[in-house]
Amino acid sequence: MIEEILDDAGPTLPQAVSVVIPAYNEGAHVASQVRDVERVLKTTGWTYEIIVVDDGSKDDTAVQADTTGARVLRRIRNRGYGAGLKLGIRHAQYGYILITDADGTYPVEAIPAMLASADRHAMVVGARTGTTVHIPLIRRPAKAFIRWLASYLSGQHIPDINSGLRLMRKDLVERYEHLLPDGFSFTTTITLASICNGYAVQYQSIDYHARLGESKIRARHAYDFTLLVLRVIVYFNPLKVFLPLGAFLASIGLGKLVYDIWKDNLSETTLLGLLGAMLVWSVGMLADQNARTAVRR
């Protein structure tokens, strides 16, 4: 008899979801986005609440959001995308958290299918791989590189590492809240943390609409995302970084050693390469021990 074992997403929770929408200077769009989300949620049979976090907007974002009947949390000054999400999640009353943006880019029609997968996965991510994806061409190379790097280092294919439409268990976010940054890297961090610790993560293909208003993403964020991927992987699975780096140094040292033997002259470059490889591998092993000890705790 064949028995299919589904990934363990944890104990089954009631069908109730808190939708958290961070917003900064989105007064022109936030009300329509909230109403669209509510329209779809009414068809699912789920109990829900909608929380809009006005992250220090200079326009009437909070006022417009309040006209929808959503719960509005307002900060005096801007703290960042991740900080807004964390504030909303801390005030959420339900065990499932759905996050989306206020700018109309993510399709609300994808929400019911995501909710249908909630009890089998710790996280369901709306991957922007649909037939209509409006991502500026100038950003695509950087996004592709970061996605490849994250997939390689985590050992699992990641079709979209920082999608802003996702359904998560609240206890999952609470476990890693101390690691989650206040900026746009929130979604990247929670993705890698979940994958590296074996949580069940599902990707659901979605379209991605053209943004309404001005984007908050800047060119410098590509560097920040790359550095963050390396940092998170070193935290959870350091050997993925230290072993290849040590192998690179060792290959240089061994290659130079062969050349030195041929020239009958042992050089400092050979010793530095081989010693550097041993040092990097040793640091990697210590980091791996610390990571495994932290996970057991």
Protein backbone atom coordinates (compact mmCIF):
# COMPACT_ATOMS: atom_id res chain seq x y z
CA MET A 1 0.00 0.00 0.00
CA ILE A 2 1.33 3.42 -0.96
CA GLU A 3 1.14 6.10 1.70
CA GLU A 4 1.73 9.71 0.73
CA ILE A 5 3.25 11.81 3.51
CA LEU A 6 2.63 15.53 3.12
CA ASP A 7 5.08 18.08 4.44
CA ASP A 8 4.39 18.91 8.05
CA ALA A 9 3.30 22.52 8.26
CA GLY A 10 2.40 22.25 11.94
CA PRO A 11 -0.93 21.78 13.68
CA THR A 12 -4.04 22.72 11.72
CA LEU A 13 -5.26 26.23 12.48
CA PRO A 14 -8.78 27.67 12.19
CA GLN A 15 -9.63 29.22 8.83
CA ALA A 16 -8.95 32.79 9.90
CA VAL A 17 -6.44 35.14 8.31
CA SER A 18 -5.03 38.56 9.08
CA VAL A 19 -4.17 40.56 5.97
CA VAL A 20 -1.33 43.04 6.53
CA ILE A 21 -0.84 45.79 3.95
CA PRO A 22 2.14 48.13 4.52
CA ALA A 23 1.71 51.51 2.85
CA TYR A 24 3.89 54.57 2.40
CA ASN A 25 2.50 57.52 0.43
CA GLU A 26 -0.15 55.34 -1.22
CA GLY A 27 -3.15 57.60 -0.59
CA ALA A 28 -4.23 57.40 -4.23
CA HIS A 29 -4.41 53.60 -4.31
CA VAL A 30 -4.69 52.09 -0.84
CA ALA A 31 -8.49 52.29 -0.51
CA SER A 32 -9.17 50.52 -3.80
CA GLN A 33 -6.61 47.84 -2.94
CA VAL A 34 -8.22 47.17 0.45
CA ARG A 35 -11.66 46.92 -1.14
CA ASP A 36 -10.36 44.50 -3.77
CA VAL A 37 -8.81 42.28 -1.11
CA GLU A 38 -12.00 42.31 0.94
CA ARG A 39 -14.14 41.50 -2.11
CA VAL A 40 -12.10 38.35 -2.74
CA LEU A 41 -11.92 37.31 0.91
CA LYS A 42 -15.70 37.37 1.19
CA THR A 43 -15.88 34.54 -1.35
CA THR A 44 -13.51 32.22 0.55
CA GLY A 45 -15.54 31.50 3.67
CA TRP A 46 -12.58 32.46 5.83
CA THR A 47 -12.78 34.75 8.83
CA TYR A 48 -10.54 37.72 8.17
CA GLU A 49 -9.28 41.11 9.26
CA ILE A 50 -7.44 43.70 7.17
CA ILE A 51 -4.70 45.77 8.76
CA VAL A 52 -3.17 48.71 6.93
CA VAL A 53 0.12 50.00 8.35
CA ASP A 54 0.71 53.62 7.36
CA ASP A 55 4.48 53.88 7.70
CA GLY A 56 4.84 57.60 8.28
CA SER A 57 3.23 58.70 5.01
CA LYS A 58 3.30 62.38 4.04
CA ASP A 59 -0.01 62.15 2.20
CA ASP A 60 -3.51 61.01 3.21
CA THR A 61 -2.77 57.26 3.15
CA ALA A 62 -4.15 56.69 6.66
CA VAL A 63 -7.31 58.72 5.98
CA GLN A 64 -8.03 56.88 2.74
CA ALA A 65 -7.42 53.48 4.32
CA ASP A 66 -9.74 54.37 7.19
CA THR A 67 -12.63 54.95 4.77
CA THR A 68 -12.64 51.21 3.97
CA GLY A 69 -13.29 50.09 7.53
CA ALA A 70 -9.89 48.40 7.74
CA ARG A 71 -7.88 48.60 10.92
CA VAL A 72 -5.27 51.31 10.40
CA LEU A 73 -2.01 51.50 12.34
CA ARG A 74 -0.13 54.74 11.81
CA ARG A 75 3.51 55.51 12.54
CA ILE A 76 4.71 59.07 13.00
CA ARG A 77 7.87 58.52 10.94
CA ASN A 78 8.87 56.13 8.18
CA ARG A 79 10.62 53.01 9.44
CA GLY A 80 10.65 50.80 6.35
CA TYR A 81 8.72 48.03 4.62
CA GLY A 82 9.81 45.27 6.98
CA ALA A 83 9.16 47.36 10.07
CA GLY A 84 5.63 48.01 8.83
CA LEU A 85 5.00 44.31 8.29
CA LYS A 86 6.34 43.40 11.72
CA LEU A 87 4.13 46.01 13.37
CA GLY A 88 1.05 44.73 11.58
CA ILE A 89 1.85 41.09 12.32
CA ARG A 90 2.39 41.79 16.01
CA HIS A 91 -1.12 43.30 16.15
CA ALA A 92 -2.73 40.53 14.08
CA GLN A 93 -5.21 38.33 15.93
CA TYR A 94 -5.25 35.26 13.64
CA GLY A 95 -2.79 32.43 13.08
CA TYR A 96 -2.40 32.94 9.34
CA ILE A 97 -0.85 36.11 7.94
CA LEU A 98 -1.36 37.25 4.35
CA ILE A 99 0.79 40.14 3.17
CA THR A 100 0.36 42.17 -0.01
CA ASP A 101 1.20 45.63 -1.26
CA ALA A 102 -0.98 48.72 -1.51
CA ASP A 103 0.11 49.64 -5.03
CA GLY A 104 -2.05 47.23 -7.04
CA THR A 105 0.81 45.11 -8.40
CA TYR A 106 -0.24 41.76 -6.92
CA PRO A 107 -3.43 40.06 -8.18
CA VAL A 108 -6.01 39.64 -5.44
CA GLU A 109 -7.55 36.82 -7.50
CA ALA A 110 -4.64 34.58 -6.40
CA ILE A 111 -5.62 34.77 -2.72
CA PRO A 112 -8.28 32.00 -2.61
CA ALA A 113 -5.90 29.38 -4.06
CA MET A 114 -3.23 30.41 -1.55
CA LEU A 115 -5.66 30.03 1.33
CA ALA A 116 -6.65 26.58 0.04
CA SER A 117 -3.02 25.43 0.53
CA ALA A 118 -2.63 26.95 3.98
CA ASP A 119 -3.03 23.78 6.07
CA ARG A 120 -0.33 21.88 4.11
CA HIS A 121 2.42 24.51 4.06
CA ALA A 122 4.08 26.88 6.49
CA MET A 123 4.31 29.45 3.70
CA VAL A 124 2.65 29.92 0.32
CA VAL A 125 4.42 32.40 -1.95
CA GLY A 126 2.93 34.10 -4.98
CA ALA A 127 5.78 33.62 -7.46
CA ARG A 128 5.86 36.24 -10.22
CA THR A 129 6.23 33.73 -13.03
CA GLY A 130 2.84 34.09 -14.73
CA THR A 131 2.06 35.06 -18.30
CA THR A 132 1.95 38.78 -17.53
CA VAL A 133 4.80 40.03 -15.35
CA HIS A 134 5.61 43.75 -15.37
CA ILE A 135 9.13 43.94 -13.96
CA PRO A 136 11.34 46.69 -15.47
CA LEU A 137 14.00 45.24 -17.77
CA ILE A 138 16.75 47.13 -15.93
CA ARG A 139 15.98 45.16 -12.75
CA ARG A 140 15.73 41.70 -14.26
CA PRO A 141 19.47 40.81 -14.46
CA ALA A 142 20.05 41.69 -10.80
CA LYS A 143 16.91 39.83 -9.71
CA ALA A 144 17.91 36.77 -11.74
CA PHE A 145 21.40 36.73 -10.18
CA ILE A 146 20.09 37.06 -6.63
CA ARG A 147 17.51 34.33 -7.30
CA TRP A 148 20.22 32.02 -8.70
CA LEU A 149 22.57 32.71 -5.79
CA ALA A 150 19.85 32.06 -3.23
CA SER A 151 18.78 28.84 -4.97
CA TYR A 152 22.36 27.57 -5.16
CA LEU A 153 23.24 28.38 -1.57
CA SER A 154 19.96 27.08 -0.12
CA GLY A 155 20.01 23.92 -2.24
CA GLN A 156 16.43 24.42 -3.42
CA HIS A 157 14.98 26.09 -6.50
CA ILE A 158 13.48 29.46 -5.56
CA PRO A 159 11.38 30.92 -8.39
CA ASP A 160 10.75 34.20 -6.53
CA ILE A 161 12.70 35.09 -3.42
CA ASN A 162 11.15 38.42 -2.46
CA SER A 163 7.54 38.35 -3.60
CA GLY A 164 5.37 40.67 -1.54
CA LEU A 165 2.30 38.42 -1.84
CA ARG A 166 2.53 35.48 0.54
CA LEU A 167 0.61 33.57 3.17
CA MET A 168 2.51 32.58 6.32
CA ARG A 169 1.84 31.08 9.69
CA LYS A 170 2.17 33.75 12.35
CA ASP A 171 4.28 31.49 14.57
CA LEU A 172 6.78 31.12 11.74
CA VAL A 173 7.25 34.89 11.56
CA GLU A 174 7.50 35.12 15.35
CA ARG A 175 10.26 32.49 15.42
CA TYR A 176 12.50 34.56 13.13
CA GLU A 177 11.36 38.06 14.02
CA HIS A 178 14.74 38.86 15.60
CA LEU A 179 16.39 38.23 12.20
CA LEU A 180 13.88 40.03 10.00
CA PRO A 181 15.14 43.46 8.85
CA ASP A 182 13.11 46.67 8.77
CA GLY A 183 13.68 47.26 5.05
CA PHE A 184 12.69 45.51 1.82
CA SER A 185 14.78 42.47 2.77
CA PHE A 186 12.05 41.18 5.08
CA THR A 187 10.62 38.82 2.46
CA THR A 188 14.02 37.56 1.31
CA THR A 189 15.02 36.75 4.89
CA ILE A 190 11.83 34.91 5.84
CA THR A 191 12.06 32.89 2.59
CA LEU A 192 15.64 31.74 3.21
CA ALA A 193 15.08 31.15 6.93
CA SER A 194 12.09 28.91 6.19
CA ILE A 195 13.81 26.93 3.43
CA CYS A 196 17.07 26.44 5.33
CA ASN A 197 15.17 25.03 8.30
CA GLY A 198 13.09 22.62 6.28
CA TYR A 199 9.70 24.30 6.45
CA ALA A 200 7.16 23.45 3.78
CA VAL A 201 7.16 26.33 1.29
CA GLN A 202 4.92 26.27 -1.80
CA TYR A 203 5.20 28.56 -4.82
CA GLN A 204 2.07 29.54 -6.71
CA SER A 205 2.54 31.18 -10.11
CA ILE A 206 0.92 34.62 -10.35
CA ASP A 207 0.89 37.59 -12.70
CA TYR A 208 2.42 40.88 -11.65
CA HIS A 209 0.74 44.12 -12.68
CA ALA A 210 2.38 47.42 -13.53
CA ARG A 211 2.87 49.50 -10.43
CA LEU A 212 0.55 52.39 -9.63
CA GLY A 213 2.61 55.38 -8.52
CA GLU A 214 6.35 55.59 -7.83
CA SER A 215 8.41 52.55 -6.86
CA LYS A 216 10.30 52.60 -3.55
CA ILE A 217 12.97 50.17 -4.82
CA ARG A 218 16.33 51.74 -5.74
CA ALA A 219 19.40 50.40 -7.59
CA ARG A 220 21.39 50.12 -4.36
CA HIS A 221 18.94 47.54 -3.04
CA ALA A 222 20.42 44.92 -5.43
CA TYR A 223 23.69 45.05 -3.46
CA ASP A 224 21.76 44.93 -0.18
CA PHE A 225 19.81 41.86 -1.30
CA THR A 226 22.99 40.04 -2.43
CA LEU A 227 24.73 40.74 0.87
CA LEU A 228 21.63 39.64 2.76
CA VAL A 229 21.47 36.29 0.93
CA LEU A 230 25.08 35.57 1.88
CA ARG A 231 24.50 36.65 5.47
CA VAL A 232 21.39 34.51 5.97
CA ILE A 233 22.97 31.43 4.38
CA VAL A 234 26.07 31.85 6.57
CA TYR A 235 23.75 32.05 9.58
CA PHE A 236 21.78 28.89 8.76
CA ASN A 237 24.06 26.82 6.49
CA PRO A 238 27.60 28.28 6.60
CA LEU A 239 29.31 25.37 4.83
CA LYS A 240 27.49 26.35 1.63
CA VAL A 241 29.63 29.49 1.62
CA PHE A 242 32.87 28.45 3.34
CA LEU A 243 33.45 25.15 1.52
CA PRO A 244 33.44 26.64 -2.02
CA LEU A 245 35.52 29.61 -0.86
CA GLY A 246 38.07 27.31 0.74
CA ALA A 247 38.12 25.12 -2.37
CA PHE A 248 38.86 28.19 -4.50
CA LEU A 249 41.82 29.14 -2.32
CA ALA A 250 43.04 25.54 -2.24
CA SER A 251 42.92 25.28 -6.03
CA ILE A 252 45.06 28.40 -6.29
CA GLY A 253 47.53 27.03 -3.76
CA LEU A 254 47.74 23.58 -5.39
CA GLY A 255 48.07 25.05 -8.86
CA LYS A 256 50.89 27.28 -7.70
CA LEU A 257 52.47 24.32 -5.87
CA VAL A 258 52.68 22.34 -9.12
CA TYR A 259 54.26 25.34 -10.81
CA ASP A 260 56.71 25.80 -7.90
CA ILE A 261 57.75 22.13 -8.02
CA TRP A 262 58.41 22.49 -11.73
CA LYS A 263 60.48 25.63 -11.01
CA ASP A 264 62.02 24.02 -7.89
CA ASN A 265 61.09 27.07 -5.84
CA LEU A 266 58.40 27.05 -3.15
CA SER A 267 56.70 30.48 -3.05
CA GLU A 268 54.72 32.39 -0.45
CA THR A 269 51.66 32.34 -2.74
CA THR A 270 51.44 28.55 -2.44
CA LEU A 271 51.60 28.65 1.34
CA LEU A 272 49.09 31.50 1.59
CA GLY A 273 46.63 29.71 -0.68
CA LEU A 274 46.80 26.40 1.19
CA LEU A 275 46.83 27.98 4.65
CA GLY A 276 43.98 30.30 3.65
CA ALA A 277 41.92 27.31 2.53
CA MET A 278 42.52 25.51 5.82
CA LEU A 279 41.62 28.64 7.78
CA VAL A 280 38.40 29.23 5.82
CA TRP A 281 37.35 25.57 6.19
CA SER A 282 38.07 25.67 9.92
CA VAL A 283 35.98 28.80 10.39
CA GLY A 284 33.23 27.18 8.33
CA MET A 285 33.21 24.07 10.52
CA LEU A 286 32.99 26.17 13.69
CA ALA A 287 30.19 28.26 12.18
CA ASP A 288 28.34 25.09 11.15
CA GLN A 289 28.58 23.71 14.70
CA ASN A 290 27.21 26.96 16.09
CA ALA A 291 24.36 26.96 13.55
CA ARG A 292 23.36 23.39 14.40
CA THR A 293 23.50 24.13 18.12
CA ALA A 294 21.26 27.17 17.63
CA VAL A 295 18.73 25.09 15.65
CA ARG A 296 18.55 22.42 18.37
CA ARG A 297 17.81 25.12 20.92
